[in-house]
Amino acid sequence: MYVGALELDVLLGDVQSLKQKRAVVRPLVSELRRRFDVAVAEVGGNDLYRRAVIGVSAVSGEAGQVREVLEACERAVVGHPELELLSTRQRMLGPQD
C-alpha cells in the first residue's frame, strides 16, 4: 500500500474577508474531492484571508498511481485563475516505511 500526501500553499486573488476566502476554497476542495476521489481539506492559513494551505491525500496499491493522482490535483489547482500556487510539497509512504 502506498499513501501520498500533497500540500499546496496558495495565494488567493481579490479576497477581502474570511467569508470571501471560504467562497473560493470550499468549491476548490469539493472539486478535488469529486474529480479525483481523494481526501482533501484546508489544513493551514485558516485565520489569513489571502492565504490557504490545502492538503490532499491518496492511497493505492501502486506508487505510480498515487503520484499521477497528486500531480493531476496540482495541475487542477494551477488551472484556477483566482489562485496563485506559491509552493507544493509531496510525500510518499510505502511498504518499507
N, C-alpha and C. Protein backbone atom coordinates (compact mmCIF):
# COMPACT_ATOMS: atom_id res chain seq x y z
N MET A 1 0.84 -1.18 0.00
CA MET A 1 0.00 0.00 0.00
C MET A 1 0.89 1.24 0.00
N TYR A 2 0.51 2.21 -0.81
CA TYR A 2 1.23 3.48 -0.90
C TYR A 2 0.28 4.60 -0.54
N VAL A 3 0.77 5.52 0.27
CA VAL A 3 -0.01 6.69 0.69
C VAL A 3 0.78 7.92 0.29
N GLY A 4 0.12 8.82 -0.41
CA GLY A 4 0.76 10.07 -0.83
C GLY A 4 0.05 11.25 -0.24
N ALA A 5 0.83 12.25 0.14
CA ALA A 5 0.28 13.49 0.68
C ALA A 5 0.84 14.66 -0.11
N LEU A 6 -0.02 15.59 -0.43
CA LEU A 6 0.36 16.78 -1.18
C LEU A 6 -0.11 17.99 -0.40
N GLU A 7 0.80 18.94 -0.20
CA GLU A 7 0.47 20.19 0.49
C GLU A 7 0.63 21.32 -0.51
N LEU A 8 -0.43 22.08 -0.71
CA LEU A 8 -0.45 23.17 -1.68
C LEU A 8 -0.62 24.50 -0.94
N ASP A 9 0.34 25.38 -1.05
CA ASP A 9 0.26 26.70 -0.44
C ASP A 9 -0.20 27.66 -1.53
N VAL A 10 -1.38 28.26 -1.35
CA VAL A 10 -1.94 29.11 -2.39
C VAL A 10 -2.20 30.52 -1.88
N LEU A 11 -2.05 31.46 -2.79
CA LEU A 11 -2.38 32.86 -2.53
C LEU A 11 -3.67 33.14 -3.28
N LEU A 12 -4.66 33.66 -2.57
CA LEU A 12 -5.95 33.95 -3.17
C LEU A 12 -5.94 35.35 -3.77
N GLY A 13 -6.64 35.53 -4.86
CA GLY A 13 -6.67 36.80 -5.57
C GLY A 13 -7.34 37.91 -4.79
N ASP A 14 -8.37 38.47 -5.34
CA ASP A 14 -9.06 39.63 -4.78
C ASP A 14 -10.02 39.20 -3.67
N VAL A 15 -9.46 38.85 -2.53
CA VAL A 15 -10.25 38.39 -1.39
C VAL A 15 -10.02 39.37 -0.24
N GLN A 16 -11.11 39.86 0.34
CA GLN A 16 -11.02 40.88 1.38
C GLN A 16 -11.53 40.42 2.74
N SER A 17 -12.01 39.18 2.84
CA SER A 17 -12.55 38.70 4.12
C SER A 17 -12.47 37.18 4.17
N LEU A 18 -12.63 36.64 5.36
CA LEU A 18 -12.66 35.19 5.51
C LEU A 18 -13.87 34.58 4.81
N LYS A 19 -14.96 35.31 4.76
CA LYS A 19 -16.16 34.82 4.07
C LYS A 19 -15.89 34.67 2.57
N GLN A 20 -15.22 35.65 1.98
CA GLN A 20 -14.86 35.55 0.56
C GLN A 20 -13.85 34.42 0.35
N LYS A 21 -12.95 34.23 1.30
CA LYS A 21 -11.99 33.14 1.21
C LYS A 21 -12.71 31.80 1.15
N ARG A 22 -13.68 31.61 2.04
CA ARG A 22 -14.45 30.35 2.04
C ARG A 22 -15.15 30.14 0.72
N ALA A 23 -15.62 31.23 0.10
CA ALA A 23 -16.32 31.12 -1.19
C ALA A 23 -15.38 30.65 -2.30
N VAL A 24 -14.08 30.80 -2.12
CA VAL A 24 -13.11 30.33 -3.11
C VAL A 24 -12.59 28.93 -2.74
N VAL A 25 -12.27 28.73 -1.46
CA VAL A 25 -11.62 27.49 -1.03
C VAL A 25 -12.59 26.31 -1.02
N ARG A 26 -13.79 26.50 -0.52
CA ARG A 26 -14.74 25.37 -0.44
C ARG A 26 -15.03 24.73 -1.79
N PRO A 27 -15.33 25.52 -2.84
CA PRO A 27 -15.56 24.88 -4.14
C PRO A 27 -14.33 24.15 -4.67
N LEU A 28 -13.14 24.69 -4.40
CA LEU A 28 -11.91 24.03 -4.83
C LEU A 28 -11.74 22.68 -4.13
N VAL A 29 -11.95 22.65 -2.83
CA VAL A 29 -11.85 21.41 -2.06
C VAL A 29 -12.87 20.39 -2.57
N SER A 30 -14.09 20.84 -2.80
CA SER A 30 -15.14 19.94 -3.31
C SER A 30 -14.81 19.41 -4.69
N GLU A 31 -14.26 20.27 -5.55
CA GLU A 31 -13.91 19.84 -6.91
C GLU A 31 -12.82 18.77 -6.88
N LEU A 32 -11.77 18.98 -6.08
CA LEU A 32 -10.70 17.99 -6.00
C LEU A 32 -11.22 16.67 -5.46
N ARG A 33 -12.06 16.73 -4.45
CA ARG A 33 -12.63 15.51 -3.86
C ARG A 33 -13.45 14.76 -4.89
N ARG A 34 -14.28 15.48 -5.62
CA ARG A 34 -15.19 14.86 -6.60
C ARG A 34 -14.44 14.33 -7.82
N ARG A 35 -13.54 15.14 -8.38
CA ARG A 35 -12.87 14.75 -9.63
C ARG A 35 -11.84 13.65 -9.44
N PHE A 36 -11.14 13.65 -8.30
CA PHE A 36 -10.00 12.75 -8.15
C PHE A 36 -10.17 11.72 -7.05
N ASP A 37 -11.30 11.73 -6.36
CA ASP A 37 -11.59 10.76 -5.30
C ASP A 37 -10.44 10.69 -4.28
N VAL A 38 -10.09 11.88 -3.76
CA VAL A 38 -9.03 12.00 -2.77
C VAL A 38 -9.60 12.61 -1.49
N ALA A 39 -8.84 12.49 -0.42
CA ALA A 39 -9.18 13.19 0.81
C ALA A 39 -8.54 14.57 0.72
N VAL A 40 -9.32 15.61 1.00
CA VAL A 40 -8.84 16.98 0.83
C VAL A 40 -9.40 17.87 1.92
N ALA A 41 -8.59 18.82 2.40
CA ALA A 41 -9.05 19.76 3.42
C ALA A 41 -8.14 20.99 3.43
N GLU A 42 -8.67 22.08 3.93
CA GLU A 42 -7.83 23.25 4.20
C GLU A 42 -7.11 22.95 5.51
N VAL A 43 -5.80 22.92 5.48
CA VAL A 43 -5.03 22.47 6.65
C VAL A 43 -4.14 23.56 7.24
N GLY A 44 -4.16 24.74 6.68
CA GLY A 44 -3.33 25.82 7.22
C GLY A 44 -3.76 27.16 6.71
N GLY A 45 -3.29 28.20 7.38
CA GLY A 45 -3.65 29.55 6.98
C GLY A 45 -5.10 29.88 7.25
N ASN A 46 -5.70 29.20 8.21
CA ASN A 46 -7.14 29.37 8.44
C ASN A 46 -7.54 30.78 8.85
N ASP A 47 -6.66 31.48 9.54
CA ASP A 47 -7.00 32.83 10.00
C ASP A 47 -6.52 33.93 9.06
N LEU A 48 -5.87 33.56 7.97
CA LEU A 48 -5.42 34.52 6.96
C LEU A 48 -6.39 34.52 5.79
N TYR A 49 -6.83 35.69 5.38
CA TYR A 49 -7.86 35.70 4.33
C TYR A 49 -7.32 35.63 2.91
N ARG A 50 -6.02 35.84 2.69
CA ARG A 50 -5.49 35.73 1.34
C ARG A 50 -4.61 34.52 1.12
N ARG A 51 -4.42 33.70 2.14
CA ARG A 51 -3.58 32.50 2.02
C ARG A 51 -4.35 31.28 2.48
N ALA A 52 -4.04 30.15 1.88
CA ALA A 52 -4.62 28.88 2.30
C ALA A 52 -3.61 27.78 2.02
N VAL A 53 -3.60 26.79 2.88
CA VAL A 53 -2.82 25.59 2.65
C VAL A 53 -3.82 24.46 2.50
N ILE A 54 -3.79 23.80 1.34
CA ILE A 54 -4.71 22.72 1.03
C ILE A 54 -3.94 21.40 1.11
N GLY A 55 -4.45 20.45 1.87
CA GLY A 55 -3.84 19.14 1.99
C GLY A 55 -4.63 18.12 1.21
N VAL A 56 -3.94 17.29 0.44
CA VAL A 56 -4.56 16.26 -0.38
C VAL A 56 -3.87 14.94 -0.08
N SER A 57 -4.63 13.87 0.07
CA SER A 57 -4.01 12.55 0.25
C SER A 57 -4.70 11.51 -0.62
N ALA A 58 -3.90 10.53 -1.04
CA ALA A 58 -4.41 9.46 -1.90
C ALA A 58 -3.75 8.15 -1.49
N VAL A 59 -4.47 7.05 -1.69
CA VAL A 59 -3.98 5.72 -1.35
C VAL A 59 -4.18 4.81 -2.55
N SER A 60 -3.17 3.95 -2.81
CA SER A 60 -3.27 2.99 -3.91
C SER A 60 -2.30 1.86 -3.67
N GLY A 61 -2.47 0.80 -4.41
CA GLY A 61 -1.55 -0.32 -4.35
C GLY A 61 -0.29 -0.08 -5.15
N GLU A 62 -0.27 0.99 -5.97
CA GLU A 62 0.87 1.30 -6.81
C GLU A 62 1.33 2.73 -6.59
N ALA A 63 2.62 2.92 -6.41
CA ALA A 63 3.18 4.25 -6.16
C ALA A 63 2.94 5.18 -7.34
N GLY A 64 3.05 4.68 -8.55
CA GLY A 64 2.84 5.50 -9.74
C GLY A 64 1.45 6.07 -9.82
N GLN A 65 0.47 5.28 -9.42
CA GLN A 65 -0.92 5.75 -9.43
C GLN A 65 -1.11 6.90 -8.44
N VAL A 66 -0.52 6.78 -7.27
CA VAL A 66 -0.63 7.85 -6.27
C VAL A 66 0.01 9.12 -6.80
N ARG A 67 1.19 9.01 -7.38
CA ARG A 67 1.88 10.19 -7.93
C ARG A 67 1.06 10.85 -9.04
N GLU A 68 0.47 10.05 -9.92
CA GLU A 68 -0.35 10.59 -11.01
C GLU A 68 -1.54 11.37 -10.47
N VAL A 69 -2.21 10.82 -9.48
CA VAL A 69 -3.39 11.50 -8.91
C VAL A 69 -2.98 12.81 -8.26
N LEU A 70 -1.91 12.80 -7.48
CA LEU A 70 -1.48 14.02 -6.80
C LEU A 70 -1.01 15.08 -7.80
N GLU A 71 -0.33 14.67 -8.85
CA GLU A 71 0.09 15.62 -9.89
C GLU A 71 -1.11 16.19 -10.63
N ALA A 72 -2.13 15.39 -10.86
CA ALA A 72 -3.35 15.88 -11.50
C ALA A 72 -4.06 16.89 -10.61
N CYS A 73 -4.06 16.64 -9.32
CA CYS A 73 -4.64 17.61 -8.37
C CYS A 73 -3.88 18.93 -8.42
N GLU A 74 -2.58 18.85 -8.46
CA GLU A 74 -1.76 20.07 -8.54
C GLU A 74 -2.06 20.84 -9.82
N ARG A 75 -2.16 20.14 -10.94
CA ARG A 75 -2.49 20.82 -12.21
C ARG A 75 -3.87 21.46 -12.16
N ALA A 76 -4.81 20.81 -11.49
CA ALA A 76 -6.16 21.37 -11.38
C ALA A 76 -6.14 22.67 -10.58
N VAL A 77 -5.34 22.72 -9.54
CA VAL A 77 -5.24 23.95 -8.74
C VAL A 77 -4.57 25.05 -9.55
N VAL A 78 -3.53 24.72 -10.29
CA VAL A 78 -2.84 25.71 -11.13
C VAL A 78 -3.80 26.28 -12.17
N GLY A 79 -4.78 25.50 -12.61
CA GLY A 79 -5.74 25.94 -13.62
C GLY A 79 -6.78 26.92 -13.13
N HIS A 80 -6.80 27.21 -11.85
CA HIS A 80 -7.77 28.18 -11.31
C HIS A 80 -7.16 29.58 -11.37
N PRO A 81 -7.75 30.47 -12.18
CA PRO A 81 -7.15 31.81 -12.35
C PRO A 81 -7.23 32.68 -11.09
N GLU A 82 -8.12 32.38 -10.18
CA GLU A 82 -8.26 33.20 -8.97
C GLU A 82 -7.26 32.83 -7.88
N LEU A 83 -6.41 31.83 -8.16
CA LEU A 83 -5.40 31.37 -7.21
C LEU A 83 -4.01 31.48 -7.81
N GLU A 84 -3.04 31.66 -6.94
CA GLU A 84 -1.64 31.56 -7.35
C GLU A 84 -0.99 30.51 -6.47
N LEU A 85 -0.46 29.47 -7.09
CA LEU A 85 0.20 28.41 -6.35
C LEU A 85 1.60 28.88 -5.97
N LEU A 86 1.85 29.02 -4.66
CA LEU A 86 3.14 29.51 -4.19
C LEU A 86 4.16 28.39 -4.02
N SER A 87 3.71 27.26 -3.47
CA SER A 87 4.63 26.13 -3.28
C SER A 87 3.85 24.84 -3.09
N THR A 88 4.54 23.75 -3.34
CA THR A 88 3.95 22.43 -3.11
C THR A 88 4.96 21.57 -2.37
N ARG A 89 4.45 20.60 -1.67
CA ARG A 89 5.31 19.61 -1.01
C ARG A 89 4.59 18.28 -1.11
N GLN A 90 5.30 17.27 -1.61
CA GLN A 90 4.71 15.96 -1.79
C GLN A 90 5.51 14.94 -0.98
N ARG A 91 4.80 14.03 -0.30
CA ARG A 91 5.43 12.98 0.47
C ARG A 91 4.78 11.64 0.12
N MET A 92 5.58 10.59 0.21
CA MET A 92 5.09 9.25 -0.09
C MET A 92 5.49 8.29 1.03
N LEU A 93 4.57 7.44 1.38
CA LEU A 93 4.85 6.34 2.30
C LEU A 93 4.56 5.04 1.58
N GLY A 94 5.47 4.10 1.70
CA GLY A 94 5.28 2.82 1.04
C GLY A 94 5.45 1.67 2.01
N PRO A 95 5.48 0.46 1.51
CA PRO A 95 5.57 -0.73 2.37
C PRO A 95 6.84 -0.77 3.21
N GLN A 96 7.91 -0.14 2.76
CA GLN A 96 9.16 -0.17 3.51
C GLN A 96 9.20 0.85 4.65
N ASP A 97 8.27 1.79 4.66
CA ASP A 97 8.29 2.85 5.67
C ASP A 97 7.71 2.39 6.96
